[in-house]
Amino acid sequence: MGLKTTAAKMVADARARIKEVETVDAIKSVDNPDVVIVDIRDIRERQRSGYIPGSVHAPRGMIEFWVDPNSPYFKDVFGQADKTYLFHCASGWRSALTVATLKDMGFEAGHLREGFSTWEAQGGPVEKEDRA
C-alpha cells in the first residue's frame, strides 16, 4: 500500500502557506494581551514538559470545532477578532497542519515553527503542574 503523499510533504506544504513564528519572537509575546497562545499538545505532554504561562489548551482533535462559531463546541476564546493567535505543538508539525486547516476555514493564525521543543532552552517561561 503506497500513500499518495507523506506526512512530511503535508507539513512542508502547510508551512509554505502559513505564518511561522520563531521561538525568540514568540517569547516576546508571552505577556502581550493581544496574543493568544494555543497549545494543541496532548494533556500528557503538557503535564510532562510543562506549558507556556497563560496558554490555552485546545486538544488537536477539537480545534476545527472550537473555532467554528456555528459548532456546538465553539469556545469564546476563539471568537476574539482583535486577537492574534499563535498555535504550537511539540515540534511544529501538528501545529503547521492545524494552522493550514484553520486558514482554509478562514481563521487566521500563526504557529511556533519549532514548537515547544526549543522554548525553554531559548529562555521561554514554563509552568509545571504542582503534583504535591
C-alpha atoms as a PDB file:
ATOM      1  CA  MET A   1       0.000   0.000   0.000  1.00  0.00           C
ATOM      2  CA  GLY A   2       1.549   3.273  -1.093  1.00  0.00           C
ATOM      3  CA  LEU A   3       0.496   6.638   0.237  1.00  0.00           C
ATOM      4  CA  LYS A   4      -0.432   9.416  -2.187  1.00  0.00           C
ATOM      5  CA  THR A   5       1.516  11.853  -0.034  1.00  0.00           C
ATOM      6  CA  THR A   6       3.631  11.608   3.083  1.00  0.00           C
ATOM      7  CA  ALA A   7       3.083  13.362   6.387  1.00  0.00           C
ATOM      8  CA  ALA A   8       6.376  15.217   5.854  1.00  0.00           C
ATOM      9  CA  LYS A   9       5.128  16.512   2.482  1.00  0.00           C
ATOM     10  CA  MET A  10       1.858  17.638   4.056  1.00  0.00           C
ATOM     11  CA  VAL A  11       3.774  19.558   6.731  1.00  0.00           C
ATOM     12  CA  ALA A  12       6.079  21.134   4.130  1.00  0.00           C
ATOM     13  CA  ASP A  13       3.095  22.185   2.010  1.00  0.00           C
ATOM     14  CA  ALA A  14       1.366  23.654   5.067  1.00  0.00           C
ATOM     15  CA  ARG A  15       4.477  25.572   6.133  1.00  0.00           C
ATOM     16  CA  ALA A  16       4.780  27.099   2.667  1.00  0.00           C
ATOM     17  CA  ARG A  17       1.439  28.868   3.065  1.00  0.00           C
ATOM     18  CA  ILE A  18       1.136  29.807   6.734  1.00  0.00           C
ATOM     19  CA  LYS A  19       2.742  32.296   9.095  1.00  0.00           C
ATOM     20  CA  GLU A  20       5.636  30.767  11.025  1.00  0.00           C
ATOM     21  CA  VAL A  21       6.963  32.451  14.165  1.00  0.00           C
ATOM     22  CA  GLU A  22      10.433  31.857  15.547  1.00  0.00           C
ATOM     23  CA  THR A  23      10.765  30.899  19.214  1.00  0.00           C
ATOM     24  CA  VAL A  24      12.648  34.052  20.173  1.00  0.00           C
ATOM     25  CA  ASP A  25       9.860  36.218  18.708  1.00  0.00           C
ATOM     26  CA  ALA A  26       7.113  34.174  20.352  1.00  0.00           C
ATOM     27  CA  ILE A  27       8.809  34.520  23.750  1.00  0.00           C
ATOM     28  CA  LYS A  28       8.472  38.300  23.409  1.00  0.00           C
ATOM     29  CA  SER A  29       4.706  37.955  23.012  1.00  0.00           C
ATOM     30  CA  VAL A  30       4.021  35.891  26.148  1.00  0.00           C
ATOM     31  CA  ASP A  31       2.840  38.902  28.146  1.00  0.00           C
ATOM     32  CA  ASN A  32       1.103  40.591  25.202  1.00  0.00           C
ATOM     33  CA  PRO A  33      -2.639  40.655  25.941  1.00  0.00           C
ATOM     34  CA  ASP A  34      -3.367  40.815  22.207  1.00  0.00           C
ATOM     35  CA  VAL A  35      -1.774  37.400  21.575  1.00  0.00           C
ATOM     36  CA  VAL A  36      -3.488  34.115  22.390  1.00  0.00           C
ATOM     37  CA  ILE A  37      -1.029  31.220  22.548  1.00  0.00           C
ATOM     38  CA  VAL A  38      -2.776  27.922  21.879  1.00  0.00           C
ATOM     39  CA  ASP A  39      -1.166  24.649  22.937  1.00  0.00           C
ATOM     40  CA  ILE A  40      -2.508  21.717  20.914  1.00  0.00           C
ATOM     41  CA  ARG A  41      -0.349  19.045  22.535  1.00  0.00           C
ATOM     42  CA  ASP A  42      -1.888  16.130  24.361  1.00  0.00           C
ATOM     43  CA  ILE A  43      -2.612  16.804  28.042  1.00  0.00           C
ATOM     44  CA  ARG A  44       0.075  14.244  28.999  1.00  0.00           C
ATOM     45  CA  GLU A  45       2.692  16.236  27.050  1.00  0.00           C
ATOM     46  CA  ARG A  46       1.737  19.387  28.951  1.00  0.00           C
ATOM     47  CA  GLN A  47       1.935  17.532  32.265  1.00  0.00           C
ATOM     48  CA  ARG A  48       5.309  16.015  31.430  1.00  0.00           C
ATOM     49  CA  SER A  49       7.041  19.048  29.855  1.00  0.00           C
ATOM     50  CA  GLY A  50       5.162  21.999  31.291  1.00  0.00           C
ATOM     51  CA  TYR A  51       3.453  24.701  29.288  1.00  0.00           C
ATOM     52  CA  ILE A  52       3.685  28.334  28.290  1.00  0.00           C
ATOM     53  CA  PRO A  53       2.169  30.536  31.013  1.00  0.00           C
ATOM     54  CA  GLY A  54      -1.248  31.828  30.007  1.00  0.00           C
ATOM     55  CA  SER A  55      -1.549  29.463  27.053  1.00  0.00           C
ATOM     56  CA  VAL A  56      -4.916  27.992  26.138  1.00  0.00           C
ATOM     57  CA  HIS A  57      -5.018  24.216  25.911  1.00  0.00           C
ATOM     58  CA  ALA A  58      -7.013  23.055  22.901  1.00  0.00           C
ATOM     59  CA  PRO A  59      -6.678  19.386  22.006  1.00  0.00           C
ATOM     60  CA  ARG A  60      -5.762  18.905  18.338  1.00  0.00           C
ATOM     61  CA  GLY A  61      -8.805  16.765  17.670  1.00  0.00           C
ATOM     62  CA  MET A  62     -11.231  19.560  18.613  1.00  0.00           C
ATOM     63  CA  ILE A  63      -9.656  22.664  17.036  1.00  0.00           C
ATOM     64  CA  GLU A  64     -11.893  22.931  13.979  1.00  0.00           C
ATOM     65  CA  PHE A  65     -14.991  22.601  16.148  1.00  0.00           C
ATOM     66  CA  TRP A  66     -13.777  25.006  18.832  1.00  0.00           C
ATOM     67  CA  VAL A  67     -13.048  27.830  16.338  1.00  0.00           C
ATOM     68  CA  ASP A  68     -16.285  27.447  14.342  1.00  0.00           C
ATOM     69  CA  PRO A  69     -18.973  29.756  15.772  1.00  0.00           C
ATOM     70  CA  ASN A  70     -21.638  27.510  14.193  1.00  0.00           C
ATOM     71  CA  SER A  71     -20.387  24.431  16.016  1.00  0.00           C
ATOM     72  CA  PRO A  72     -21.990  23.318  19.280  1.00  0.00           C
ATOM     73  CA  TYR A  73     -18.405  23.002  20.599  1.00  0.00           C
ATOM     74  CA  PHE A  74     -17.394  26.616  19.835  1.00  0.00           C
ATOM     75  CA  LYS A  75     -15.204  28.246  22.510  1.00  0.00           C
ATOM     76  CA  ASP A  76     -15.445  32.002  23.091  1.00  0.00           C
ATOM     77  CA  VAL A  77     -11.663  32.304  23.349  1.00  0.00           C
ATOM     78  CA  PHE A  78     -11.539  31.768  19.575  1.00  0.00           C
ATOM     79  CA  GLY A  79     -14.156  34.410  18.818  1.00  0.00           C
ATOM     80  CA  GLN A  80     -11.967  37.417  19.644  1.00  0.00           C
ATOM     81  CA  ALA A  81     -11.453  39.187  16.315  1.00  0.00           C
ATOM     82  CA  ASP A  82      -8.966  41.643  17.821  1.00  0.00           C
ATOM     83  CA  LYS A  83      -6.525  38.926  18.928  1.00  0.00           C
ATOM     84  CA  THR A  84      -3.557  37.322  17.208  1.00  0.00           C
ATOM     85  CA  TYR A  85      -3.491  33.546  17.562  1.00  0.00           C
ATOM     86  CA  LEU A  86      -0.299  31.534  17.809  1.00  0.00           C
ATOM     87  CA  PHE A  87      -0.615  27.746  17.849  1.00  0.00           C
ATOM     88  CA  HIS A  88       2.060  25.307  18.946  1.00  0.00           C
ATOM     89  CA  CYS A  89       2.719  21.626  19.454  1.00  0.00           C
ATOM     90  CA  ALA A  90       5.955  19.885  20.427  1.00  0.00           C
ATOM     91  CA  SER A  91       7.954  20.214  17.207  1.00  0.00           C
ATOM     92  CA  GLY A  92       5.847  22.334  14.844  1.00  0.00           C
ATOM     93  CA  TRP A  93       4.409  19.575  12.685  1.00  0.00           C
ATOM     94  CA  ARG A  94       0.920  19.233  14.158  1.00  0.00           C
ATOM     95  CA  SER A  95       0.589  22.992  14.559  1.00  0.00           C
ATOM     96  CA  ALA A  96       1.574  23.589  10.911  1.00  0.00           C
ATOM     97  CA  LEU A  97      -1.156  21.226   9.733  1.00  0.00           C
ATOM     98  CA  THR A  98      -3.623  22.757  12.183  1.00  0.00           C
ATOM     99  CA  VAL A  99      -2.969  26.339  11.127  1.00  0.00           C
ATOM    100  CA  ALA A 100      -3.195  25.397   7.430  1.00  0.00           C
ATOM    101  CA  THR A 101      -6.570  23.778   8.071  1.00  0.00           C
ATOM    102  CA  LEU A 102      -7.751  26.819  10.027  1.00  0.00           C
ATOM    103  CA  LYS A 103      -6.597  29.071   7.196  1.00  0.00           C
ATOM    104  CA  ASP A 104      -8.748  27.023   4.828  1.00  0.00           C
ATOM    105  CA  MET A 105     -11.665  27.696   7.204  1.00  0.00           C
ATOM    106  CA  GLY A 106     -10.974  31.454   7.173  1.00  0.00           C
ATOM    107  CA  PHE A 107      -9.433  31.606  10.661  1.00  0.00           C
ATOM    108  CA  GLU A 108      -6.137  33.465  10.611  1.00  0.00           C
ATOM    109  CA  ALA A 109      -3.360  32.257  12.903  1.00  0.00           C
ATOM    110  CA  GLY A 110       0.343  31.558  13.009  1.00  0.00           C
ATOM    111  CA  HIS A 111       2.328  28.748  14.528  1.00  0.00           C
ATOM    112  CA  LEU A 112       5.521  28.346  16.509  1.00  0.00           C
ATOM    113  CA  ARG A 113       7.899  26.997  13.856  1.00  0.00           C
ATOM    114  CA  GLU A 114       9.957  24.743  16.142  1.00  0.00           C
ATOM    115  CA  GLY A 115       7.167  24.084  18.618  1.00  0.00           C
ATOM    116  CA  PHE A 116       7.738  23.760  22.327  1.00  0.00           C
ATOM    117  CA  SER A 117      10.944  21.784  21.699  1.00  0.00           C
ATOM    118  CA  THR A 118      13.202  24.871  21.830  1.00  0.00           C
ATOM    119  CA  TRP A 119      11.052  27.058  24.063  1.00  0.00           C
ATOM    120  CA  GLU A 120      12.716  26.516  27.452  1.00  0.00           C
ATOM    121  CA  ALA A 121      16.262  26.328  26.016  1.00  0.00           C
ATOM    122  CA  GLN A 122      15.790  29.755  24.434  1.00  0.00           C
ATOM    123  CA  GLY A 123      14.638  31.316  27.701  1.00  0.00           C
ATOM    124  CA  GLY A 124      10.890  30.933  27.373  1.00  0.00           C
ATOM    125  CA  PRO A 125       8.949  30.762  30.648  1.00  0.00           C
ATOM    126  CA  VAL A 126       7.453  27.388  31.526  1.00  0.00           C
ATOM    127  CA  GLU A 127       4.850  26.495  34.129  1.00  0.00           C
ATOM    128  CA  LYS A 128       4.616  22.996  35.536  1.00  0.00           C
ATOM    129  CA  GLU A 129       1.714  21.499  37.389  1.00  0.00           C
ATOM    130  CA  ASP A 130       2.157  21.108  41.102  1.00  0.00           C
ATOM    131  CA  ARG A 131       1.680  17.412  41.825  1.00  0.00           C
ATOM    132  CA  ALA A 132       2.102  17.673  45.603  1.00  0.00           C
END
